[in-house]
Amino acid sequence: MKALTYISLLLASLFLTVPAVAGGQREEAMSANVRSSLQRGLADTAVTRTAFRQAVDETAWLQEMSRRLSKRMPDESERMEFLTTLHWEASRAGVDPQLMLGLIQVESGFRKYAVSPVGARGYTQVMPFWVKAIGNPDHNLFQLRTNLRYGALILRHYIDIERGDLFRALGRFNGSLGRPEYPNLVVGAWKRHWDYQPTTKSADTSSASRS
């Protein structure tokens, strides 16, 4: 009986620490201009608010997304900080914040310290080579804002490379370019669980599918 209990706990631990679908971006050559642009994006000042222009819309979005996320992230203060940071970082990168929620659901299951079998880290499962390529040694991919900023910038970078083709961009993000499973999972999670239509158009956010 004790042996069975131990095995059950071990399996549960593995399930909680290893993402089921996370892959890993592949290191590719990039021009000096692109590298410089990504570095500038990482260096921007941190902001502790969403990208909404009106407080009423910020409140409505945070309350609704907090409600949807509560079972996956029970601590309210942690949840609100996560959502506020995510909305700002995704929006400033030109990525739909709801899409980012779908991506994080698939990549890490909202586990801050998730590590994939190939070494991708954190909520958005960023590969460590990105720190060497565009960041600095002080960047901790398990830190909330750092991880979300890297993740949003990398996805925007891939969307630009693919001329607005979101499915191909998601394939690059996961290291599975050309295969439909991962993009379908992310878009499915986005549309089923995180799609949100504001009552007024007051958020300065851009569609992730723009070119």
Protein backbone atom coordinates (compact mmCIF):
# COMPACT_ATOMS: atom_id res chain seq x y z
CA MET A 1 0.00 0.00 0.00
CA LYS A 2 2.82 2.39 0.91
CA ALA A 3 4.57 1.54 -2.36
CA LEU A 4 1.45 2.36 -4.35
CA THR A 5 1.05 5.65 -2.50
CA TYR A 6 4.68 6.56 -3.22
CA ILE A 7 4.29 5.77 -6.92
CA SER A 8 1.11 7.84 -7.11
CA LEU A 9 2.81 10.81 -5.50
CA LEU A 10 5.80 10.48 -7.81
CA LEU A 11 3.59 10.43 -10.91
CA ALA A 12 1.66 13.43 -9.65
CA SER A 13 4.90 15.31 -9.08
CA LEU A 14 6.08 14.58 -12.60
CA PHE A 15 2.76 15.70 -14.02
CA LEU A 16 2.99 19.02 -12.18
CA THR A 17 6.55 19.82 -13.18
CA VAL A 18 6.83 18.70 -16.81
CA PRO A 19 4.68 20.40 -19.47
CA ALA A 20 2.94 17.89 -21.72
CA VAL A 21 3.08 19.90 -24.93
CA ALA A 22 5.97 22.34 -24.51
CA GLY A 23 8.60 22.18 -27.18
CA GLY A 24 11.39 24.65 -27.71
CA GLN A 25 12.32 27.41 -30.09
CA ARG A 26 15.21 26.64 -32.41
CA GLU A 27 18.15 29.00 -32.52
CA GLU A 28 18.34 30.71 -35.89
CA ALA A 29 20.56 33.38 -37.41
CA MET A 30 19.14 36.90 -37.23
CA SER A 31 20.20 40.20 -38.73
CA ALA A 32 21.88 42.87 -36.62
CA ASN A 33 18.81 45.10 -37.01
CA VAL A 34 16.44 42.40 -35.73
CA ARG A 35 18.74 41.58 -32.83
CA SER A 36 19.00 45.26 -31.92
CA SER A 37 15.21 45.68 -32.09
CA LEU A 38 14.63 42.71 -29.78
CA GLN A 39 17.26 43.98 -27.36
CA ARG A 40 15.56 47.38 -27.21
CA GLY A 41 12.25 45.64 -26.51
CA LEU A 42 13.74 43.80 -23.56
CA ALA A 43 15.31 46.96 -22.16
CA ASP A 44 12.09 48.97 -21.92
CA THR A 45 11.03 50.16 -18.47
CA ALA A 46 8.72 47.86 -16.53
CA VAL A 47 5.15 49.11 -16.13
CA THR A 48 2.80 47.91 -13.38
CA ARG A 49 -0.52 48.31 -15.21
CA THR A 50 -2.38 46.92 -18.18
CA ALA A 51 -2.47 48.58 -21.61
CA PHE A 52 -6.11 49.65 -21.24
CA ARG A 53 -6.72 53.37 -21.57
CA GLN A 54 -9.73 53.46 -19.26
CA ALA A 55 -9.81 52.10 -15.73
CA VAL A 56 -13.30 50.66 -16.15
CA ASP A 57 -12.14 48.45 -19.03
CA GLU A 58 -9.03 47.37 -17.15
CA THR A 59 -11.15 46.39 -14.16
CA ALA A 60 -13.65 44.46 -16.29
CA TRP A 61 -10.91 42.52 -18.12
CA LEU A 62 -8.96 41.71 -14.96
CA GLN A 63 -12.05 40.54 -13.12
CA GLU A 64 -13.18 38.29 -15.96
CA MET A 65 -9.76 36.80 -16.67
CA SER A 66 -9.15 36.37 -12.94
CA ARG A 67 -12.38 34.41 -12.64
CA ARG A 68 -11.37 32.13 -15.53
CA LEU A 69 -7.86 31.63 -14.17
CA SER A 70 -8.74 31.13 -10.51
CA LYS A 71 -8.68 27.31 -10.52
CA ARG A 72 -5.28 27.22 -12.20
CA MET A 73 -3.78 30.02 -10.09
CA PRO A 74 -5.62 30.08 -6.72
CA ASP A 75 -3.72 32.93 -5.04
CA GLU A 76 -5.54 36.16 -5.96
CA SER A 77 -2.61 38.55 -5.57
CA GLU A 78 -0.37 36.31 -7.68
CA ARG A 79 -3.13 35.98 -10.26
CA MET A 80 -3.73 39.73 -10.55
CA GLU A 81 -0.03 40.50 -10.84
CA PHE A 82 0.30 37.83 -13.53
CA LEU A 83 -2.67 39.13 -15.55
CA THR A 84 -1.65 42.79 -15.25
CA THR A 85 1.90 42.04 -16.36
CA LEU A 86 0.77 39.76 -19.16
CA HIS A 87 -1.67 42.31 -20.60
CA TRP A 88 0.98 45.03 -20.69
CA GLU A 89 3.79 42.89 -22.09
CA ALA A 90 1.65 41.21 -24.75
CA SER A 91 0.05 44.48 -25.84
CA ARG A 92 3.33 46.37 -26.11
CA ALA A 93 4.71 43.58 -28.29
CA GLY A 94 1.64 43.68 -30.55
CA VAL A 95 0.30 40.29 -29.46
CA ASP A 96 -3.27 39.62 -28.34
CA PRO A 97 -3.15 39.06 -24.53
CA GLN A 98 -5.85 36.39 -24.82
CA LEU A 99 -3.73 34.53 -27.38
CA MET A 100 -0.84 34.64 -24.90
CA LEU A 101 -3.08 33.08 -22.26
CA GLY A 102 -3.89 30.25 -24.67
CA LEU A 103 -0.21 29.78 -25.44
CA ILE A 104 0.73 29.66 -21.75
CA GLN A 105 -2.05 27.19 -21.02
CA VAL A 106 -0.65 24.81 -23.63
CA GLU A 107 3.05 25.46 -23.00
CA SER A 108 3.27 25.35 -19.22
CA GLY A 109 -0.21 24.96 -17.76
CA PHE A 110 0.43 28.29 -15.96
CA ARG A 111 3.34 26.80 -14.00
CA LYS A 112 5.92 29.47 -13.24
CA TYR A 113 8.81 27.06 -12.78
CA ALA A 114 7.96 24.64 -15.57
CA VAL A 115 10.92 23.17 -17.46
CA SER A 116 10.47 21.20 -20.67
CA PRO A 117 12.53 18.10 -21.57
CA VAL A 118 14.63 20.30 -23.90
CA GLY A 119 15.18 23.02 -21.28
CA ALA A 120 12.52 25.61 -22.14
CA ARG A 121 11.63 27.60 -19.03
CA GLY A 122 8.79 29.33 -17.27
CA TYR A 123 5.26 30.32 -18.21
CA THR A 124 5.99 30.83 -21.90
CA GLN A 125 8.68 28.15 -22.13
CA VAL A 126 11.54 30.30 -23.40
CA MET A 127 14.71 28.53 -24.49
CA PRO A 128 17.84 29.74 -22.61
CA PHE A 129 19.72 30.56 -25.83
CA TRP A 130 17.55 33.68 -26.13
CA VAL A 131 19.21 35.18 -23.05
CA LYS A 132 22.62 34.89 -24.74
CA ALA A 133 21.26 36.09 -28.09
CA ILE A 134 19.37 39.22 -27.03
CA GLY A 135 19.49 39.52 -23.24
CA ASN A 136 22.09 39.56 -20.50
CA PRO A 137 23.26 37.05 -17.87
CA ASP A 138 21.15 38.74 -15.18
CA HIS A 139 17.90 37.78 -16.89
CA ASN A 140 16.06 35.07 -14.99
CA LEU A 141 13.56 33.24 -17.21
CA PHE A 142 11.60 32.15 -14.14
CA GLN A 143 10.95 35.78 -13.15
CA LEU A 144 7.40 36.79 -14.08
CA ARG A 145 7.95 39.94 -16.15
CA THR A 146 11.16 38.67 -17.74
CA ASN A 147 9.51 35.47 -18.92
CA LEU A 148 6.39 37.18 -20.25
CA ARG A 149 8.41 39.88 -21.98
CA TYR A 150 10.67 37.35 -23.70
CA GLY A 151 7.70 35.18 -24.66
CA ALA A 152 5.71 38.03 -26.17
CA LEU A 153 8.69 39.48 -28.05
CA ILE A 154 9.69 36.08 -29.42
CA LEU A 155 6.16 35.32 -30.63
CA ARG A 156 5.95 38.78 -32.25
CA HIS A 157 9.32 38.13 -33.90
CA TYR A 158 8.06 34.85 -35.35
CA ILE A 159 4.81 36.46 -36.53
CA ASP A 160 6.87 39.07 -38.37
CA ILE A 161 9.13 36.41 -39.91
CA GLU A 162 6.07 34.53 -41.14
CA ARG A 163 4.43 37.72 -42.51
CA GLY A 164 1.46 37.49 -40.16
CA ASP A 165 0.84 33.75 -40.52
CA LEU A 166 -0.06 32.93 -36.93
CA PHE A 167 -0.10 29.16 -37.40
CA ARG A 168 3.45 29.10 -38.80
CA ALA A 169 4.60 31.55 -36.12
CA LEU A 170 3.22 29.29 -33.39
CA GLY A 171 4.96 26.34 -34.99
CA ARG A 172 8.26 28.21 -34.79
CA PHE A 173 7.59 29.12 -31.16
CA ASN A 174 7.12 25.46 -30.28
CA GLY A 175 9.86 24.13 -32.54
CA SER A 176 7.30 22.20 -34.61
CA LEU A 177 7.05 24.34 -37.74
CA GLY A 178 4.94 22.68 -40.43
CA ARG A 179 2.95 20.49 -38.05
CA PRO A 180 -0.65 21.45 -37.19
CA GLU A 181 -1.03 19.93 -33.72
CA TYR A 182 0.53 22.69 -31.62
CA PRO A 183 -0.99 25.72 -33.41
CA ASN A 184 -4.39 24.03 -33.26
CA LEU A 185 -4.02 23.44 -29.52
CA VAL A 186 -3.02 27.05 -28.80
CA VAL A 187 -5.71 28.62 -30.96
CA GLY A 188 -8.25 26.18 -29.55
CA ALA A 189 -7.32 27.09 -25.96
CA TRP A 190 -7.41 30.78 -26.85
CA LYS A 191 -10.88 30.64 -28.42
CA ARG A 192 -12.44 28.22 -25.93
CA HIS A 193 -11.11 29.61 -22.67
CA TRP A 194 -9.71 33.13 -23.11
CA ASP A 195 -11.56 34.87 -25.94
CA TYR A 196 -12.79 38.24 -24.70
CA GLN A 197 -14.77 41.02 -26.36
CA PRO A 198 -14.56 44.37 -24.53
CA THR A 199 -17.66 46.52 -24.29
CA THR A 200 -15.71 49.54 -25.57
CA LYS A 201 -12.69 49.78 -27.82
CA SER A 202 -10.39 51.52 -25.40
CA ALA A 203 -7.39 49.21 -25.19
CA ASP A 204 -4.34 49.98 -27.27
CA THR A 205 -3.80 46.37 -28.22
CA SER A 206 -2.98 44.91 -31.61
CA SER A 207 -4.10 41.71 -33.22
CA ALA A 208 -1.45 39.01 -33.20
CA SER A 209 -2.30 38.21 -36.80
CA ARG A 210 -1.19 41.61 -38.16
CA SER A 211 1.76 41.64 -40.54
